Amino acid sequence: MAAHPLDPAELPSLHAGAVANTQRIVDALGSEVLGAPTPCGDWDVTDLVHHLVYGNLWVSPLVAGETIDEVGDRFEGDILGDDISGAFRDSAALAVAAFAAPAAMEALCPVSYGPVPGSVYCGHRFVDVLVHGWDLAAAADLGPALPADLVEACIEVVLPQAEMLAGSGLFGSGADPGPAADQQRRLLTLLGRAV
């Protein structure tokens, strides 16, 4: 566990760290794995990168206070193009900048389960980007170890919301990995990954 409770002011840099880690993984994806299954139900590698890029693109308008209706279908269609690595990089840069803006952590973001403070939304994006990076690495057999500091912080974000996340149906049902489990295995089992 982290040595101290997570300060919401740390979330933008943690999110940026998760982005950098997942970018490294996306950059390593070869064309031969784009149709490979992932630990995320019916999503293959391309579907999962699309999900991440789509989520990244929503950050800036939602942090700026735009509603879901105002954003509308702005990000529908082909958002990956021929360069999934570039699509992730460009969309992630927008998300990182939005969360790093002054007062972004206090801004009310009208997400589908909100509105919530930017710190809550940033925490959820941090979890999404970090853990789906692991999913992509696992799917492509890239040796899916996550940075220990990000894992520790992610557990701090997930634990208070574990029941709600499991109940959402989006993460699988968490299992107790047992006392001997390392922190990465603990995080992944909390989020329904079989490791």
N, C-alpha and C. Protein backbone atom coordinates (compact mmCIF):
# COMPACT_ATOMS: atom_id res chain seq x y z
N MET A 1 0.84 -1.19 0.00
CA MET A 1 0.00 0.00 0.00
C MET A 1 0.87 1.24 0.00
N ALA A 2 0.30 2.34 -0.49
CA ALA A 2 1.02 3.60 -0.46
C ALA A 2 1.22 4.02 0.99
N ALA A 3 2.28 4.81 1.22
CA ALA A 3 2.63 5.21 2.58
C ALA A 3 1.69 6.28 3.12
N HIS A 4 0.91 6.89 2.27
CA HIS A 4 0.01 7.95 2.69
C HIS A 4 -1.24 7.93 1.82
N PRO A 5 -2.35 8.48 2.31
CA PRO A 5 -3.55 8.55 1.47
C PRO A 5 -3.26 9.37 0.21
N LEU A 6 -3.88 8.97 -0.86
CA LEU A 6 -3.64 9.64 -2.13
C LEU A 6 -4.21 11.06 -2.11
N ASP A 7 -3.38 12.03 -2.43
CA ASP A 7 -3.78 13.42 -2.53
C ASP A 7 -4.37 13.64 -3.92
N PRO A 8 -5.59 14.18 -4.03
CA PRO A 8 -6.17 14.40 -5.35
C PRO A 8 -5.29 15.25 -6.27
N ALA A 9 -4.44 16.10 -5.69
CA ALA A 9 -3.55 16.91 -6.52
C ALA A 9 -2.51 16.06 -7.25
N GLU A 10 -2.30 14.82 -6.80
CA GLU A 10 -1.35 13.92 -7.46
C GLU A 10 -1.95 13.26 -8.71
N LEU A 11 -3.26 13.31 -8.83
CA LEU A 11 -3.91 12.53 -9.88
C LEU A 11 -3.50 12.92 -11.30
N PRO A 12 -3.37 14.20 -11.63
CA PRO A 12 -2.95 14.50 -13.01
C PRO A 12 -1.60 13.88 -13.38
N SER A 13 -0.63 13.90 -12.45
CA SER A 13 0.67 13.31 -12.79
C SER A 13 0.59 11.79 -12.83
N LEU A 14 -0.24 11.19 -11.98
CA LEU A 14 -0.43 9.74 -12.03
C LEU A 14 -1.09 9.34 -13.35
N HIS A 15 -2.10 10.10 -13.76
CA HIS A 15 -2.75 9.84 -15.04
C HIS A 15 -1.74 9.96 -16.18
N ALA A 16 -0.92 11.01 -16.14
CA ALA A 16 0.10 11.18 -17.18
C ALA A 16 1.08 10.01 -17.19
N GLY A 17 1.43 9.49 -16.01
CA GLY A 17 2.30 8.32 -15.94
C GLY A 17 1.66 7.09 -16.55
N ALA A 18 0.37 6.91 -16.29
CA ALA A 18 -0.35 5.78 -16.88
C ALA A 18 -0.41 5.92 -18.39
N VAL A 19 -0.62 7.14 -18.86
CA VAL A 19 -0.64 7.40 -20.31
C VAL A 19 0.70 7.03 -20.93
N ALA A 20 1.79 7.47 -20.30
CA ALA A 20 3.12 7.17 -20.84
C ALA A 20 3.37 5.67 -20.88
N ASN A 21 2.96 4.96 -19.83
CA ASN A 21 3.15 3.51 -19.80
C ASN A 21 2.33 2.83 -20.89
N THR A 22 1.09 3.24 -21.03
CA THR A 22 0.24 2.62 -22.06
C THR A 22 0.69 3.00 -23.46
N GLN A 23 1.21 4.22 -23.63
CA GLN A 23 1.74 4.60 -24.94
C GLN A 23 2.89 3.67 -25.35
N ARG A 24 3.75 3.34 -24.40
CA ARG A 24 4.85 2.42 -24.68
C ARG A 24 4.32 1.08 -25.17
N ILE A 25 3.24 0.62 -24.56
CA ILE A 25 2.64 -0.65 -24.96
C ILE A 25 1.99 -0.54 -26.33
N VAL A 26 1.22 0.53 -26.55
CA VAL A 26 0.57 0.71 -27.85
C VAL A 26 1.62 0.82 -28.96
N ASP A 27 2.72 1.51 -28.68
CA ASP A 27 3.79 1.63 -29.68
C ASP A 27 4.38 0.28 -30.07
N ALA A 28 4.33 -0.68 -29.16
CA ALA A 28 4.93 -2.00 -29.40
C ALA A 28 3.97 -2.98 -30.07
N LEU A 29 2.71 -2.59 -30.27
CA LEU A 29 1.75 -3.51 -30.87
C LEU A 29 2.04 -3.68 -32.35
N GLY A 30 2.25 -4.91 -32.77
CA GLY A 30 2.43 -5.19 -34.18
C GLY A 30 1.10 -5.42 -34.87
N SER A 31 1.08 -5.27 -36.17
CA SER A 31 -0.17 -5.43 -36.92
C SER A 31 -0.75 -6.83 -36.75
N GLU A 32 0.11 -7.81 -36.46
CA GLU A 32 -0.36 -9.19 -36.34
C GLU A 32 -1.21 -9.42 -35.10
N VAL A 33 -1.19 -8.51 -34.13
CA VAL A 33 -1.98 -8.72 -32.91
C VAL A 33 -3.23 -7.85 -32.86
N LEU A 34 -3.47 -7.03 -33.86
CA LEU A 34 -4.60 -6.09 -33.79
C LEU A 34 -5.95 -6.78 -33.65
N GLY A 35 -6.08 -7.99 -34.14
CA GLY A 35 -7.32 -8.74 -34.00
C GLY A 35 -7.31 -9.73 -32.86
N ALA A 36 -6.25 -9.73 -32.07
CA ALA A 36 -6.12 -10.70 -30.98
C ALA A 36 -7.10 -10.39 -29.86
N PRO A 37 -7.60 -11.43 -29.18
CA PRO A 37 -8.50 -11.20 -28.05
C PRO A 37 -7.76 -10.57 -26.88
N THR A 38 -8.51 -9.85 -26.07
CA THR A 38 -7.96 -9.23 -24.86
C THR A 38 -8.70 -9.78 -23.64
N PRO A 39 -8.23 -9.46 -22.44
CA PRO A 39 -8.98 -9.87 -21.24
C PRO A 39 -10.31 -9.14 -21.08
N CYS A 40 -10.67 -8.28 -22.01
CA CYS A 40 -11.89 -7.46 -21.92
C CYS A 40 -13.02 -8.03 -22.77
N GLY A 41 -13.56 -9.15 -22.37
CA GLY A 41 -14.74 -9.70 -23.02
C GLY A 41 -14.61 -9.86 -24.51
N ASP A 42 -15.48 -9.18 -25.24
CA ASP A 42 -15.53 -9.32 -26.69
C ASP A 42 -14.61 -8.37 -27.44
N TRP A 43 -13.83 -7.57 -26.73
CA TRP A 43 -12.95 -6.60 -27.40
C TRP A 43 -11.64 -7.23 -27.82
N ASP A 44 -11.28 -7.00 -29.10
CA ASP A 44 -9.94 -7.38 -29.53
C ASP A 44 -9.01 -6.19 -29.29
N VAL A 45 -7.75 -6.31 -29.68
CA VAL A 45 -6.77 -5.25 -29.43
C VAL A 45 -7.20 -3.94 -30.05
N THR A 46 -7.65 -3.96 -31.30
CA THR A 46 -8.08 -2.72 -31.96
C THR A 46 -9.26 -2.09 -31.23
N ASP A 47 -10.23 -2.90 -30.83
CA ASP A 47 -11.40 -2.39 -30.10
C ASP A 47 -10.95 -1.70 -28.80
N LEU A 48 -9.99 -2.31 -28.11
CA LEU A 48 -9.55 -1.77 -26.84
C LEU A 48 -8.78 -0.46 -27.02
N VAL A 49 -7.94 -0.38 -28.04
CA VAL A 49 -7.26 0.90 -28.33
C VAL A 49 -8.30 1.95 -28.69
N HIS A 50 -9.30 1.57 -29.47
CA HIS A 50 -10.38 2.51 -29.81
C HIS A 50 -11.05 3.03 -28.54
N HIS A 51 -11.35 2.12 -27.61
CA HIS A 51 -11.98 2.52 -26.34
C HIS A 51 -11.11 3.54 -25.60
N LEU A 52 -9.81 3.31 -25.55
CA LEU A 52 -8.92 4.23 -24.86
C LEU A 52 -8.86 5.59 -25.55
N VAL A 53 -8.74 5.58 -26.86
CA VAL A 53 -8.69 6.85 -27.61
C VAL A 53 -10.00 7.60 -27.44
N TYR A 54 -11.10 6.90 -27.53
CA TYR A 54 -12.42 7.50 -27.36
C TYR A 54 -12.53 8.14 -25.98
N GLY A 55 -12.13 7.41 -24.95
CA GLY A 55 -12.15 7.96 -23.60
C GLY A 55 -11.26 9.18 -23.46
N ASN A 56 -10.08 9.13 -24.06
CA ASN A 56 -9.18 10.27 -24.02
C ASN A 56 -9.81 11.52 -24.65
N LEU A 57 -10.47 11.33 -25.77
CA LEU A 57 -11.04 12.48 -26.50
C LEU A 57 -12.15 13.17 -25.71
N TRP A 58 -12.83 12.44 -24.85
CA TRP A 58 -13.93 13.03 -24.07
C TRP A 58 -13.43 13.91 -22.93
N VAL A 59 -12.19 13.73 -22.49
CA VAL A 59 -11.72 14.41 -21.29
C VAL A 59 -11.79 15.93 -21.42
N SER A 60 -11.22 16.47 -22.47
CA SER A 60 -11.13 17.92 -22.58
C SER A 60 -12.50 18.60 -22.56
N PRO A 61 -13.46 18.15 -23.38
CA PRO A 61 -14.76 18.82 -23.31
C PRO A 61 -15.47 18.64 -21.97
N LEU A 62 -15.37 17.46 -21.36
CA LEU A 62 -16.07 17.25 -20.09
C LEU A 62 -15.43 18.07 -18.96
N VAL A 63 -14.12 18.17 -18.94
CA VAL A 63 -13.46 19.01 -17.93
C VAL A 63 -13.83 20.48 -18.15
N ALA A 64 -14.05 20.85 -19.40
CA ALA A 64 -14.45 22.23 -19.71
C ALA A 64 -15.92 22.49 -19.41
N GLY A 65 -16.66 21.44 -19.00
CA GLY A 65 -18.05 21.61 -18.61
C GLY A 65 -19.07 21.32 -19.67
N GLU A 66 -18.64 20.86 -20.86
CA GLU A 66 -19.60 20.49 -21.89
C GLU A 66 -20.37 19.25 -21.43
N THR A 67 -21.63 19.20 -21.76
CA THR A 67 -22.44 18.04 -21.41
C THR A 67 -22.28 16.95 -22.48
N ILE A 68 -22.72 15.77 -22.13
CA ILE A 68 -22.67 14.66 -23.08
C ILE A 68 -23.49 15.00 -24.32
N ASP A 69 -24.64 15.63 -24.13
CA ASP A 69 -25.46 16.02 -25.27
C ASP A 69 -24.75 17.05 -26.14
N GLU A 70 -24.03 17.96 -25.52
CA GLU A 70 -23.30 18.98 -26.30
C GLU A 70 -22.17 18.36 -27.10
N VAL A 71 -21.51 17.37 -26.53
CA VAL A 71 -20.45 16.68 -27.28
C VAL A 71 -21.06 15.86 -28.41
N GLY A 72 -22.19 15.25 -28.12
CA GLY A 72 -22.93 14.51 -29.15
C GLY A 72 -22.11 13.41 -29.79
N ASP A 73 -22.11 13.39 -31.12
CA ASP A 73 -21.41 12.34 -31.86
C ASP A 73 -20.06 12.79 -32.40
N ARG A 74 -19.50 13.80 -31.76
CA ARG A 74 -18.24 14.39 -32.21
C ARG A 74 -17.12 13.35 -32.37
N PHE A 75 -17.12 12.33 -31.54
CA PHE A 75 -16.02 11.37 -31.55
C PHE A 75 -16.43 10.00 -32.11
N GLU A 76 -17.55 9.97 -32.81
CA GLU A 76 -17.97 8.72 -33.42
C GLU A 76 -17.23 8.52 -34.75
N GLY A 77 -17.24 7.29 -35.22
CA GLY A 77 -16.59 6.99 -36.49
C GLY A 77 -15.16 6.53 -36.31
N ASP A 78 -14.38 6.64 -37.38
CA ASP A 78 -13.00 6.16 -37.38
C ASP A 78 -12.10 7.18 -36.69
N ILE A 79 -11.78 6.92 -35.43
CA ILE A 79 -10.91 7.83 -34.69
C ILE A 79 -9.49 7.29 -34.59
N LEU A 80 -9.25 6.09 -35.14
CA LEU A 80 -7.91 5.51 -35.11
C LEU A 80 -7.14 5.76 -36.39
N GLY A 81 -7.83 5.80 -37.52
CA GLY A 81 -7.14 5.95 -38.79
C GLY A 81 -6.16 4.81 -39.03
N ASP A 82 -5.08 5.10 -39.73
CA ASP A 82 -4.08 4.08 -40.06
C ASP A 82 -2.95 4.01 -39.04
N ASP A 83 -3.01 4.84 -38.00
CA ASP A 83 -1.91 4.93 -37.05
C ASP A 83 -2.47 4.90 -35.63
N ILE A 84 -2.64 3.69 -35.08
CA ILE A 84 -3.25 3.60 -33.75
C ILE A 84 -2.34 4.21 -32.69
N SER A 85 -1.05 4.08 -32.89
CA SER A 85 -0.11 4.65 -31.93
C SER A 85 -0.22 6.18 -31.92
N GLY A 86 -0.28 6.78 -33.10
CA GLY A 86 -0.43 8.23 -33.20
C GLY A 86 -1.78 8.69 -32.68
N ALA A 87 -2.83 7.91 -32.93
CA ALA A 87 -4.16 8.27 -32.44
C ALA A 87 -4.18 8.27 -30.92
N PHE A 88 -3.54 7.26 -30.32
CA PHE A 88 -3.48 7.24 -28.86
C PHE A 88 -2.66 8.43 -28.36
N ARG A 89 -1.51 8.66 -28.96
CA ARG A 89 -0.63 9.75 -28.52
C ARG A 89 -1.33 11.11 -28.58
N ASP A 90 -1.97 11.39 -29.69
CA ASP A 90 -2.62 12.70 -29.87
C ASP A 90 -3.78 12.87 -28.90
N SER A 91 -4.60 11.82 -28.76
CA SER A 91 -5.76 11.94 -27.87
C SER A 91 -5.32 12.01 -26.41
N ALA A 92 -4.29 11.25 -26.06
CA ALA A 92 -3.80 11.25 -24.69
C ALA A 92 -3.19 12.59 -24.32
N ALA A 93 -2.51 13.24 -25.26
CA ALA A 93 -1.93 14.55 -24.98
C ALA A 93 -3.03 15.56 -24.63
N LEU A 94 -4.15 15.48 -25.31
CA LEU A 94 -5.28 16.36 -25.00
C LEU A 94 -5.82 16.08 -23.60
N ALA A 95 -5.94 14.81 -23.24
CA ALA A 95 -6.47 14.45 -21.92
C ALA A 95 -5.52 14.88 -20.82
N VAL A 96 -4.22 14.63 -21.01
CA VAL A 96 -3.23 15.02 -20.00
C VAL A 96 -3.26 16.53 -19.79
N ALA A 97 -3.32 17.28 -20.88
CA ALA A 97 -3.35 18.74 -20.77
C ALA A 97 -4.62 19.22 -20.05
N ALA A 98 -5.74 18.60 -20.34
CA ALA A 98 -7.00 19.01 -19.71
C ALA A 98 -6.96 18.79 -18.20
N PHE A 99 -6.45 17.63 -17.78
CA PHE A 99 -6.40 17.35 -16.35
C PHE A 99 -5.34 18.19 -15.62
N ALA A 100 -4.34 18.65 -16.35
CA ALA A 100 -3.28 19.46 -15.74
C ALA A 100 -3.64 20.94 -15.67
N ALA A 101 -4.74 21.33 -16.29
CA ALA A 101 -5.13 22.75 -16.30
C ALA A 101 -5.48 23.22 -14.89
N PRO A 102 -5.25 24.52 -14.61
CA PRO A 102 -5.61 25.04 -13.28
C PRO A 102 -7.08 24.78 -12.97
N ALA A 103 -7.34 24.33 -11.78
CA ALA A 103 -8.69 24.09 -11.26
C ALA A 103 -9.40 22.90 -11.90
N ALA A 104 -8.70 22.12 -12.72
CA ALA A 104 -9.34 20.97 -13.37
C ALA A 104 -9.82 19.94 -12.35
N MET A 105 -9.10 19.77 -11.25
CA MET A 105 -9.49 18.77 -10.26
C MET A 105 -10.73 19.18 -9.49
N GLU A 106 -11.03 20.48 -9.48
CA GLU A 106 -12.23 20.96 -8.78
C GLU A 106 -13.41 21.14 -9.73
N ALA A 107 -13.16 21.16 -11.03
CA ALA A 107 -14.22 21.40 -12.01
C ALA A 107 -15.26 20.30 -11.94
N LEU A 108 -16.54 20.68 -12.08
CA LEU A 108 -17.59 19.66 -12.16
C LEU A 108 -17.66 19.14 -13.59
N CYS A 109 -17.47 17.84 -13.73
CA CYS A 109 -17.44 17.21 -15.04
C CYS A 109 -18.74 16.42 -15.23
N PRO A 110 -19.52 16.77 -16.25
CA PRO A 110 -20.81 16.11 -16.45
C PRO A 110 -20.70 14.76 -17.15
N VAL A 111 -20.02 13.83 -16.53
CA VAL A 111 -19.87 12.49 -17.08
C VAL A 111 -21.19 11.72 -16.95
N SER A 112 -21.22 10.53 -17.51
CA SER A 112 -22.47 9.75 -17.50
C SER A 112 -22.93 9.38 -16.10
N TYR A 113 -22.01 9.31 -15.14
CA TYR A 113 -22.36 8.96 -13.76
C TYR A 113 -22.24 10.19 -12.86
N GLY A 114 -22.32 11.38 -13.43
CA GLY A 114 -22.04 12.61 -12.68
C GLY A 114 -23.20 13.56 -12.68
N PRO A 115 -22.86 14.84 -12.46
CA PRO A 115 -21.51 15.39 -12.51
C PRO A 115 -20.67 15.03 -11.29
N VAL A 116 -19.35 14.94 -11.53
CA VAL A 116 -18.41 14.64 -10.46
C VAL A 116 -17.25 15.62 -10.55
N PRO A 117 -16.53 15.81 -9.44
CA PRO A 117 -15.34 16.65 -9.50
C PRO A 117 -14.30 16.08 -10.46
N GLY A 118 -13.50 16.94 -11.03
CA GLY A 118 -12.46 16.50 -11.94
C GLY A 118 -11.53 15.47 -11.32
N SER A 119 -11.31 15.56 -10.01
CA SER A 119 -10.43 14.59 -9.35
C SER A 119 -11.01 13.17 -9.44
N VAL A 120 -12.32 13.04 -9.32
CA VAL A 120 -12.95 11.72 -9.43
C VAL A 120 -12.83 11.21 -10.87
N TYR A 121 -13.13 12.07 -11.82
CA TYR A 121 -13.04 11.69 -13.23
C TYR A 121 -11.61 11.34 -13.60
N CYS A 122 -10.64 12.13 -13.15
CA CYS A 122 -9.23 11.86 -13.43
C CYS A 122 -8.82 10.53 -12.82
N GLY A 123 -9.28 10.24 -11.61
CA GLY A 123 -8.97 8.96 -10.99
C GLY A 123 -9.50 7.79 -11.80
N HIS A 124 -10.69 7.94 -12.32
CA HIS A 124 -11.27 6.86 -13.13
C HIS A 124 -10.53 6.69 -14.45
N ARG A 125 -10.12 7.82 -15.05
CA ARG A 125 -9.35 7.73 -16.30
C ARG A 125 -7.98 7.11 -16.03
N PHE A 126 -7.38 7.44 -14.90
CA PHE A 126 -6.10 6.85 -14.50
C PHE A 126 -6.22 5.33 -14.43
N VAL A 127 -7.25 4.85 -13.74
CA VAL A 127 -7.46 3.41 -13.62
C VAL A 127 -7.68 2.79 -15.00
N ASP A 128 -8.53 3.41 -15.79
CA ASP A 128 -8.87 2.88 -17.12
C ASP A 128 -7.63 2.76 -17.99
N VAL A 129 -6.85 3.82 -18.07
CA VAL A 129 -5.68 3.83 -18.95
C VAL A 129 -4.62 2.84 -18.46
N LEU A 130 -4.38 2.82 -17.16
CA LEU A 130 -3.34 1.93 -16.63
C LEU A 130 -3.72 0.46 -16.81
N VAL A 131 -4.92 0.10 -16.40
CA VAL A 131 -5.31 -1.32 -16.42
C VAL A 131 -5.54 -1.81 -17.85
N HIS A 132 -6.09 -0.97 -18.70
CA HIS A 132 -6.24 -1.40 -20.09
C HIS A 132 -4.88 -1.48 -20.79
N GLY A 133 -3.90 -0.73 -20.33
CA GLY A 133 -2.54 -0.93 -20.83
C GLY A 133 -2.07 -2.34 -20.53
N TRP A 134 -2.34 -2.80 -19.30
CA TRP A 134 -2.01 -4.18 -18.95
C TRP A 134 -2.75 -5.15 -19.85
N ASP A 135 -4.04 -4.89 -20.10
CA ASP A 135 -4.83 -5.77 -20.97
C ASP A 135 -4.19 -5.88 -22.36
N LEU A 136 -3.76 -4.75 -22.90
CA LEU A 136 -3.13 -4.76 -24.23
C LEU A 136 -1.82 -5.53 -24.20
N ALA A 137 -1.01 -5.30 -23.15
CA ALA A 137 0.26 -6.01 -23.04
C ALA A 137 0.03 -7.51 -22.90
N ALA A 138 -0.98 -7.90 -22.13
CA ALA A 138 -1.29 -9.32 -21.97
C ALA A 138 -1.73 -9.92 -23.31
N ALA A 139 -2.56 -9.19 -24.04
CA ALA A 139 -3.06 -9.70 -25.32
C ALA A 139 -1.94 -9.89 -26.33
N ALA A 140 -0.94 -9.01 -26.29
CA ALA A 140 0.16 -9.05 -27.26
C ALA A 140 1.38 -9.78 -26.71
N ASP A 141 1.26 -10.36 -25.51
CA ASP A 141 2.36 -11.10 -24.89
C ASP A 141 3.62 -10.23 -24.78
N LEU A 142 3.42 -9.04 -24.25
CA LEU A 142 4.52 -8.07 -24.12
C LEU A 142 5.12 -8.03 -22.72
N GLY A 143 4.81 -9.00 -21.89
CA GLY A 143 5.34 -8.97 -20.53
C GLY A 143 4.66 -7.87 -19.73
N PRO A 144 3.41 -8.11 -19.33
CA PRO A 144 2.56 -7.03 -18.80
C PRO A 144 2.83 -6.63 -17.35
N ALA A 145 4.07 -6.21 -17.05
CA ALA A 145 4.34 -5.67 -15.72
C ALA A 145 4.05 -4.17 -15.73
N LEU A 146 3.37 -3.70 -14.70
CA LEU A 146 3.05 -2.28 -14.57
C LEU A 146 4.02 -1.63 -13.58
N PRO A 147 4.28 -0.33 -13.74
CA PRO A 147 5.16 0.36 -12.78
C PRO A 147 4.58 0.28 -11.37
N ALA A 148 5.42 -0.11 -10.42
CA ALA A 148 4.96 -0.35 -9.05
C ALA A 148 4.31 0.88 -8.43
N ASP A 149 4.86 2.07 -8.68
CA ASP A 149 4.28 3.27 -8.07
C ASP A 149 2.88 3.54 -8.59
N LEU A 150 2.66 3.27 -9.87
CA LEU A 150 1.33 3.47 -10.44
C LEU A 150 0.35 2.42 -9.92
N VAL A 151 0.82 1.21 -9.75
CA VAL A 151 -0.03 0.15 -9.19
C VAL A 151 -0.47 0.53 -7.78
N GLU A 152 0.47 0.98 -6.96
CA GLU A 152 0.15 1.36 -5.57
C GLU A 152 -0.91 2.47 -5.56
N ALA A 153 -0.71 3.49 -6.39
CA ALA A 153 -1.66 4.60 -6.42
C ALA A 153 -3.02 4.14 -6.97
N CYS A 154 -3.00 3.26 -7.94
CA CYS A 154 -4.25 2.77 -8.53
C CYS A 154 -5.06 2.00 -7.49
N ILE A 155 -4.39 1.22 -6.66
CA ILE A 155 -5.08 0.51 -5.58
C ILE A 155 -5.75 1.52 -4.65
N GLU A 156 -5.07 2.62 -4.36
CA GLU A 156 -5.64 3.66 -3.50
C GLU A 156 -6.92 4.25 -4.11
N VAL A 157 -6.95 4.36 -5.44
CA VAL A 157 -8.14 4.87 -6.11
C VAL A 157 -9.24 3.82 -6.12
N VAL A 158 -8.88 2.57 -6.37
CA VAL A 158 -9.87 1.50 -6.58
C VAL A 158 -10.52 1.03 -5.28
N LEU A 159 -9.74 0.87 -4.22
CA LEU A 159 -10.27 0.24 -3.01
C LEU A 159 -11.56 0.87 -2.49
N PRO A 160 -11.65 2.20 -2.36
CA PRO A 160 -12.90 2.76 -1.83
C PRO A 160 -14.10 2.56 -2.77
N GLN A 161 -13.82 2.20 -4.03
CA GLN A 161 -14.90 2.08 -5.02
C GLN A 161 -15.04 0.66 -5.55
N ALA A 162 -14.37 -0.29 -4.92
CA ALA A 162 -14.31 -1.64 -5.47
C ALA A 162 -15.69 -2.25 -5.69
N GLU A 163 -16.59 -2.10 -4.71
CA GLU A 163 -17.93 -2.67 -4.86
C GLU A 163 -18.69 -2.01 -5.99
N MET A 164 -18.59 -0.68 -6.08
CA MET A 164 -19.28 0.04 -7.14
C MET A 164 -18.73 -0.36 -8.51
N LEU A 165 -17.41 -0.49 -8.63
CA LEU A 165 -16.81 -0.86 -9.91
C LEU A 165 -17.22 -2.28 -10.30
N ALA A 166 -17.22 -3.20 -9.35
CA ALA A 166 -17.64 -4.57 -9.64
C ALA A 166 -19.11 -4.60 -10.04
N GLY A 167 -19.92 -3.79 -9.36
CA GLY A 167 -21.35 -3.73 -9.65
C GLY A 167 -21.68 -3.12 -10.99
N SER A 168 -20.75 -2.35 -11.55
CA SER A 168 -20.99 -1.70 -12.84
C SER A 168 -21.04 -2.71 -13.97
N GLY A 169 -20.46 -3.90 -13.77
CA GLY A 169 -20.42 -4.90 -14.82
C GLY A 169 -19.30 -4.67 -15.82
N LEU A 170 -18.52 -3.61 -15.66
CA LEU A 170 -17.48 -3.27 -16.61
C LEU A 170 -16.12 -3.89 -16.25
N PHE A 171 -15.97 -4.37 -15.05
CA PHE A 171 -14.67 -4.81 -14.59
C PHE A 171 -14.64 -6.26 -14.14
N GLY A 172 -15.69 -6.98 -14.25
CA GLY A 172 -15.73 -8.33 -13.71
C GLY A 172 -15.87 -8.27 -12.21
N SER A 173 -16.02 -9.42 -11.59
CA SER A 173 -16.16 -9.43 -10.14
C SER A 173 -14.80 -9.70 -9.53
N GLY A 174 -14.39 -8.83 -8.63
CA GLY A 174 -13.08 -8.96 -7.99
C GLY A 174 -13.03 -10.16 -7.08
N ALA A 175 -11.88 -10.76 -7.00
CA ALA A 175 -11.66 -11.89 -6.12
C ALA A 175 -10.51 -11.56 -5.19
N ASP A 176 -10.47 -12.22 -4.06
CA ASP A 176 -9.37 -12.02 -3.12
C ASP A 176 -8.18 -12.84 -3.61
N PRO A 177 -7.05 -12.18 -3.94
CA PRO A 177 -5.90 -12.93 -4.46
C PRO A 177 -5.10 -13.65 -3.38
N GLY A 178 -5.44 -13.43 -2.11
CA GLY A 178 -4.72 -14.06 -1.02
C GLY A 178 -3.59 -13.20 -0.50
N PRO A 179 -3.13 -13.48 0.71
CA PRO A 179 -2.16 -12.61 1.36
C PRO A 179 -0.78 -12.61 0.71
N ALA A 180 -0.46 -13.62 -0.07
CA ALA A 180 0.87 -13.70 -0.68
C ALA A 180 0.95 -12.95 -2.01
N ALA A 181 -0.16 -12.45 -2.49
CA ALA A 181 -0.18 -11.81 -3.81
C ALA A 181 0.58 -10.50 -3.79
N ASP A 182 1.29 -10.22 -4.90
CA ASP A 182 1.93 -8.92 -5.02
C ASP A 182 0.88 -7.86 -5.35
N GLN A 183 1.29 -6.60 -5.32
CA GLN A 183 0.33 -5.51 -5.49
C GLN A 183 -0.30 -5.49 -6.88
N GLN A 184 0.45 -5.82 -7.91
CA GLN A 184 -0.13 -5.84 -9.25
C GLN A 184 -1.22 -6.90 -9.33
N ARG A 185 -0.94 -8.08 -8.83
CA ARG A 185 -1.96 -9.13 -8.85
C ARG A 185 -3.17 -8.72 -8.03
N ARG A 186 -2.95 -8.08 -6.91
CA ARG A 186 -4.05 -7.61 -6.07
C ARG A 186 -4.93 -6.63 -6.85
N LEU A 187 -4.30 -5.66 -7.51
CA LEU A 187 -5.06 -4.69 -8.30
C LEU A 187 -5.86 -5.38 -9.41
N LEU A 188 -5.19 -6.23 -10.14
CA LEU A 188 -5.85 -6.86 -11.29
C LEU A 188 -6.99 -7.78 -10.87
N THR A 189 -6.83 -8.49 -9.76
CA THR A 189 -7.93 -9.33 -9.30
C THR A 189 -9.07 -8.49 -8.75
N LEU A 190 -8.75 -7.35 -8.13
CA LEU A 190 -9.81 -6.45 -7.69
C LEU A 190 -10.68 -6.02 -8.86
N LEU A 191 -10.05 -5.90 -10.03
CA LEU A 191 -10.77 -5.44 -11.21
C LEU A 191 -11.18 -6.59 -12.13
N GLY A 192 -11.21 -7.80 -11.58
CA GLY A 192 -11.79 -8.94 -12.30
C GLY A 192 -10.90 -9.59 -13.32
N ARG A 193 -9.61 -9.28 -13.31
CA ARG A 193 -8.70 -9.95 -14.24
C ARG A 193 -8.26 -11.28 -13.64
N ALA A 194 -8.18 -12.30 -14.49
CA ALA A 194 -7.67 -13.60 -14.07
C ALA A 194 -6.18 -13.60 -14.30
N VAL A 195 -5.42 -13.60 -13.21
CA VAL A 195 -3.95 -13.59 -13.35
C VAL A 195 -3.33 -14.71 -12.55
